[in-house]
Amino acid sequence: MIRPAAFALTFLTLAACNVTEYYAEGRSVADRDRDIAICEAEAVTAYPPSIVTLYTPRIFHPGQTTCDAAGNCVTSEGYWEGGDPYSEDVNEDLRRRAIAGCMGGRGYARVSLPICSSDQTVRASTIMAPLTDDTCVVRSGGASMIVNP
């Protein structure tokens, strides 16, 4: 039987080896980056950041009464815990979905691919290669290239 913690650790380790990228066979990396920028700009215009302050739940811990052998009782004061403020952008998920829809409308799909190992010989190209079982991602200077070894 697989323990939940071991399963989660294995899943996270495998997930860390993959990179999710927008992909359209035959399109250039420059086209993809331009389209991402256009879609991000449209999403920010449609769903601008909307930062709200929220609070963690408050919990009251009542005081405890302790008595000694002589029957003398003392009650400690109760106290509140929580109520800490934090900020959240309520439009973040809408922007993410708008970008995905925009990129899909431009012919891109999200693909999850492994990072090329350092011992693999790859032919770098600015044109996105057809996907095969060996397709991987090379990261260079902040850009990601989908390549076939």
C-alpha atoms as a PDB file:
ATOM      1  CA  MET A   1       0.000   0.000   0.000  1.00  0.00           C
ATOM      2  CA  ILE A   2       1.316   3.449  -0.922  1.00  0.00           C
ATOM      3  CA  ARG A   3       1.286   5.955   1.896  1.00  0.00           C
ATOM      4  CA  PRO A   4      -0.368   9.290   1.037  1.00  0.00           C
ATOM      5  CA  ALA A   5       2.724  11.283   1.986  1.00  0.00           C
ATOM      6  CA  ALA A   6       4.981   9.125  -0.193  1.00  0.00           C
ATOM      7  CA  PHE A   7       2.529   9.407  -3.093  1.00  0.00           C
ATOM      8  CA  ALA A   8       2.353  13.202  -2.749  1.00  0.00           C
ATOM      9  CA  LEU A   9       6.154  13.481  -2.603  1.00  0.00           C
ATOM     10  CA  THR A  10       6.525  11.303  -5.710  1.00  0.00           C
ATOM     11  CA  PHE A  11       3.885  13.335  -7.562  1.00  0.00           C
ATOM     12  CA  LEU A  12       5.524  16.651  -6.652  1.00  0.00           C
ATOM     13  CA  THR A  13       8.952  15.344  -7.685  1.00  0.00           C
ATOM     14  CA  LEU A  14       7.640  14.234 -11.082  1.00  0.00           C
ATOM     15  CA  ALA A  15       5.672  17.458 -11.553  1.00  0.00           C
ATOM     16  CA  ALA A  16       8.808  19.500 -10.845  1.00  0.00           C
ATOM     17  CA  CYS A  17      10.539  17.806 -13.805  1.00  0.00           C
ATOM     18  CA  ASN A  18       7.964  19.107 -16.301  1.00  0.00           C
ATOM     19  CA  VAL A  19       7.369  22.564 -17.710  1.00  0.00           C
ATOM     20  CA  THR A  20       3.977  23.715 -18.978  1.00  0.00           C
ATOM     21  CA  GLU A  21       4.163  25.892 -22.077  1.00  0.00           C
ATOM     22  CA  TYR A  22       1.869  27.236 -24.769  1.00  0.00           C
ATOM     23  CA  TYR A  23       2.492  25.257 -27.965  1.00  0.00           C
ATOM     24  CA  ALA A  24       1.470  25.471 -31.620  1.00  0.00           C
ATOM     25  CA  GLU A  25       3.407  23.358 -34.091  1.00  0.00           C
ATOM     26  CA  GLY A  26       5.298  25.409 -36.672  1.00  0.00           C
ATOM     27  CA  ARG A  27       4.864  28.731 -34.840  1.00  0.00           C
ATOM     28  CA  SER A  28       7.908  30.693 -33.764  1.00  0.00           C
ATOM     29  CA  VAL A  29       8.865  31.359 -30.167  1.00  0.00           C
ATOM     30  CA  ALA A  30       8.728  35.094 -30.972  1.00  0.00           C
ATOM     31  CA  ASP A  31       5.121  34.728 -32.217  1.00  0.00           C
ATOM     32  CA  ARG A  32       4.209  32.808 -29.069  1.00  0.00           C
ATOM     33  CA  ASP A  33       5.791  35.401 -26.788  1.00  0.00           C
ATOM     34  CA  ARG A  34       4.059  38.240 -28.686  1.00  0.00           C
ATOM     35  CA  ASP A  35       0.697  36.447 -28.478  1.00  0.00           C
ATOM     36  CA  ILE A  36       1.151  35.836 -24.736  1.00  0.00           C
ATOM     37  CA  ALA A  37       1.890  39.555 -24.232  1.00  0.00           C
ATOM     38  CA  ILE A  38      -1.203  40.544 -26.246  1.00  0.00           C
ATOM     39  CA  CYS A  39      -3.409  38.096 -24.341  1.00  0.00           C
ATOM     40  CA  GLU A  40      -2.026  39.240 -20.982  1.00  0.00           C
ATOM     41  CA  ALA A  41      -2.674  42.897 -21.886  1.00  0.00           C
ATOM     42  CA  GLU A  42      -6.255  42.089 -22.936  1.00  0.00           C
ATOM     43  CA  ALA A  43      -6.817  40.114 -19.722  1.00  0.00           C
ATOM     44  CA  VAL A  44      -5.512  42.937 -17.516  1.00  0.00           C
ATOM     45  CA  THR A  45      -7.756  45.400 -19.330  1.00  0.00           C
ATOM     46  CA  ALA A  46     -10.812  43.170 -18.933  1.00  0.00           C
ATOM     47  CA  TYR A  47      -9.998  42.039 -15.381  1.00  0.00           C
ATOM     48  CA  PRO A  48      -7.737  44.613 -13.691  1.00  0.00           C
ATOM     49  CA  PRO A  49      -6.214  43.752 -10.338  1.00  0.00           C
ATOM     50  CA  SER A  50      -8.787  44.055  -7.576  1.00  0.00           C
ATOM     51  CA  ILE A  51      -6.947  43.733  -4.289  1.00  0.00           C
ATOM     52  CA  VAL A  52      -9.129  43.144  -1.244  1.00  0.00           C
ATOM     53  CA  THR A  53      -8.165  42.737   2.372  1.00  0.00           C
ATOM     54  CA  LEU A  54      -9.501  39.603   4.016  1.00  0.00           C
ATOM     55  CA  TYR A  55      -9.026  38.256   7.511  1.00  0.00           C
ATOM     56  CA  THR A  56      -8.210  34.828   8.870  1.00  0.00           C
ATOM     57  CA  PRO A  57     -11.007  33.342  10.990  1.00  0.00           C
ATOM     58  CA  ARG A  58     -11.129  34.431  14.621  1.00  0.00           C
ATOM     59  CA  ILE A  59     -11.330  31.789  17.319  1.00  0.00           C
ATOM     60  CA  PHE A  60     -12.139  32.481  20.949  1.00  0.00           C
ATOM     61  CA  HIS A  61     -10.365  30.370  23.561  1.00  0.00           C
ATOM     62  CA  PRO A  62     -12.333  30.625  26.814  1.00  0.00           C
ATOM     63  CA  GLY A  63     -10.505  30.972  30.088  1.00  0.00           C
ATOM     64  CA  GLN A  64      -9.660  27.896  32.128  1.00  0.00           C
ATOM     65  CA  THR A  65     -10.739  27.459  35.721  1.00  0.00           C
ATOM     66  CA  THR A  66      -8.326  25.662  38.011  1.00  0.00           C
ATOM     67  CA  CYS A  67      -8.968  24.859  41.648  1.00  0.00           C
ATOM     68  CA  ASP A  68      -6.570  23.800  44.354  1.00  0.00           C
ATOM     69  CA  ALA A  69      -7.232  21.217  47.090  1.00  0.00           C
ATOM     70  CA  ALA A  70      -8.603  23.898  49.444  1.00  0.00           C
ATOM     71  CA  GLY A  71     -11.295  24.834  46.895  1.00  0.00           C
ATOM     72  CA  ASN A  72      -9.727  28.114  45.834  1.00  0.00           C
ATOM     73  CA  CYS A  73     -10.485  28.566  42.150  1.00  0.00           C
ATOM     74  CA  VAL A  74      -8.857  30.883  39.667  1.00  0.00           C
ATOM     75  CA  THR A  75     -10.166  31.509  36.153  1.00  0.00           C
ATOM     76  CA  SER A  76      -7.727  32.677  33.538  1.00  0.00           C
ATOM     77  CA  GLU A  77      -8.824  35.203  30.952  1.00  0.00           C
ATOM     78  CA  GLY A  78     -10.035  33.976  27.595  1.00  0.00           C
ATOM     79  CA  TYR A  79      -8.361  35.233  24.474  1.00  0.00           C
ATOM     80  CA  TRP A  80      -8.937  35.618  20.756  1.00  0.00           C
ATOM     81  CA  GLU A  81      -6.716  34.094  18.105  1.00  0.00           C
ATOM     82  CA  GLY A  82      -6.692  34.842  14.377  1.00  0.00           C
ATOM     83  CA  GLY A  83      -8.212  37.795  12.599  1.00  0.00           C
ATOM     84  CA  ASP A  84      -4.932  38.495  10.818  1.00  0.00           C
ATOM     85  CA  PRO A  85      -5.297  40.521   7.607  1.00  0.00           C
ATOM     86  CA  TYR A  86      -4.070  39.293   4.230  1.00  0.00           C
ATOM     87  CA  SER A  87      -4.490  40.589   0.685  1.00  0.00           C
ATOM     88  CA  GLU A  88      -5.900  38.760  -2.307  1.00  0.00           C
ATOM     89  CA  ASP A  89      -6.467  39.714  -5.947  1.00  0.00           C
ATOM     90  CA  VAL A  90     -10.023  38.536  -6.623  1.00  0.00           C
ATOM     91  CA  ASN A  91      -9.561  38.871 -10.412  1.00  0.00           C
ATOM     92  CA  GLU A  92      -6.417  36.725 -10.641  1.00  0.00           C
ATOM     93  CA  ASP A  93      -8.248  33.525 -11.634  1.00  0.00           C
ATOM     94  CA  LEU A  94     -10.374  35.406 -14.195  1.00  0.00           C
ATOM     95  CA  ARG A  95      -7.220  36.855 -15.791  1.00  0.00           C
ATOM     96  CA  ARG A  96      -5.578  33.414 -15.924  1.00  0.00           C
ATOM     97  CA  ARG A  97      -8.665  31.920 -17.622  1.00  0.00           C
ATOM     98  CA  ALA A  98      -8.925  34.877 -20.027  1.00  0.00           C
ATOM     99  CA  ILE A  99      -5.290  34.393 -21.071  1.00  0.00           C
ATOM    100  CA  ALA A 100      -5.846  30.650 -21.605  1.00  0.00           C
ATOM    101  CA  GLY A 101      -8.953  31.348 -23.708  1.00  0.00           C
ATOM    102  CA  CYS A 102      -7.196  34.006 -25.749  1.00  0.00           C
ATOM    103  CA  MET A 103      -4.201  31.747 -26.422  1.00  0.00           C
ATOM    104  CA  GLY A 104      -6.519  28.880 -27.329  1.00  0.00           C
ATOM    105  CA  GLY A 105      -8.305  31.172 -29.759  1.00  0.00           C
ATOM    106  CA  ARG A 106      -4.936  31.917 -31.366  1.00  0.00           C
ATOM    107  CA  GLY A 107      -4.291  28.193 -31.893  1.00  0.00           C
ATOM    108  CA  TYR A 108      -2.130  27.361 -28.880  1.00  0.00           C
ATOM    109  CA  ALA A 109      -2.522  24.451 -26.487  1.00  0.00           C
ATOM    110  CA  ARG A 110      -0.968  24.037 -23.036  1.00  0.00           C
ATOM    111  CA  VAL A 111       1.480  21.125 -23.027  1.00  0.00           C
ATOM    112  CA  SER A 112       3.502  19.736 -20.151  1.00  0.00           C
ATOM    113  CA  LEU A 113       6.947  18.575 -21.237  1.00  0.00           C
ATOM    114  CA  PRO A 114      10.094  17.480 -19.417  1.00  0.00           C
ATOM    115  CA  ILE A 115      13.165  19.677 -19.256  1.00  0.00           C
ATOM    116  CA  CYS A 116      15.890  18.363 -21.580  1.00  0.00           C
ATOM    117  CA  SER A 117      18.700  16.689 -19.687  1.00  0.00           C
ATOM    118  CA  SER A 118      22.141  18.246 -19.993  1.00  0.00           C
ATOM    119  CA  ASP A 119      23.521  15.162 -21.776  1.00  0.00           C
ATOM    120  CA  GLN A 120      20.913  15.307 -24.555  1.00  0.00           C
ATOM    121  CA  THR A 121      22.025  16.735 -27.886  1.00  0.00           C
ATOM    122  CA  VAL A 122      19.312  19.048 -29.126  1.00  0.00           C
ATOM    123  CA  ARG A 123      18.914  21.080 -32.259  1.00  0.00           C
ATOM    124  CA  ALA A 124      17.769  24.474 -31.122  1.00  0.00           C
ATOM    125  CA  SER A 125      15.223  26.189 -33.297  1.00  0.00           C
ATOM    126  CA  THR A 126      13.027  29.201 -32.826  1.00  0.00           C
ATOM    127  CA  ILE A 127      10.220  27.281 -34.581  1.00  0.00           C
ATOM    128  CA  MET A 128       8.207  24.922 -32.379  1.00  0.00           C
ATOM    129  CA  ALA A 129       8.974  21.352 -33.395  1.00  0.00           C
ATOM    130  CA  PRO A 130       6.322  18.650 -33.858  1.00  0.00           C
ATOM    131  CA  LEU A 131       5.652  16.795 -30.602  1.00  0.00           C
ATOM    132  CA  THR A 132       7.180  13.331 -30.240  1.00  0.00           C
ATOM    133  CA  ASP A 133       7.817  11.020 -27.302  1.00  0.00           C
ATOM    134  CA  ASP A 134      11.286  12.623 -26.977  1.00  0.00           C
ATOM    135  CA  THR A 135      10.193  16.271 -27.135  1.00  0.00           C
ATOM    136  CA  CYS A 136      11.561  18.339 -24.260  1.00  0.00           C
ATOM    137  CA  VAL A 137      12.060  21.966 -23.214  1.00  0.00           C
ATOM    138  CA  VAL A 138      15.316  23.924 -23.209  1.00  0.00           C
ATOM    139  CA  ARG A 139      15.423  27.080 -21.131  1.00  0.00           C
ATOM    140  CA  SER A 140      17.794  29.757 -22.307  1.00  0.00           C
ATOM    141  CA  GLY A 141      17.947  33.384 -21.231  1.00  0.00           C
ATOM    142  CA  GLY A 142      14.421  33.337 -19.779  1.00  0.00           C
ATOM    143  CA  ALA A 143      12.890  31.882 -22.936  1.00  0.00           C
ATOM    144  CA  SER A 144      11.718  28.314 -23.348  1.00  0.00           C
ATOM    145  CA  MET A 145      12.207  26.399 -26.570  1.00  0.00           C
ATOM    146  CA  ILE A 146      10.336  23.179 -27.347  1.00  0.00           C
ATOM    147  CA  VAL A 147      12.823  20.900 -29.117  1.00  0.00           C
ATOM    148  CA  ASN A 148      13.353  17.325 -30.257  1.00  0.00           C
ATOM    149  CA  PRO A 149      16.678  15.667 -29.407  1.00  0.00           C
END
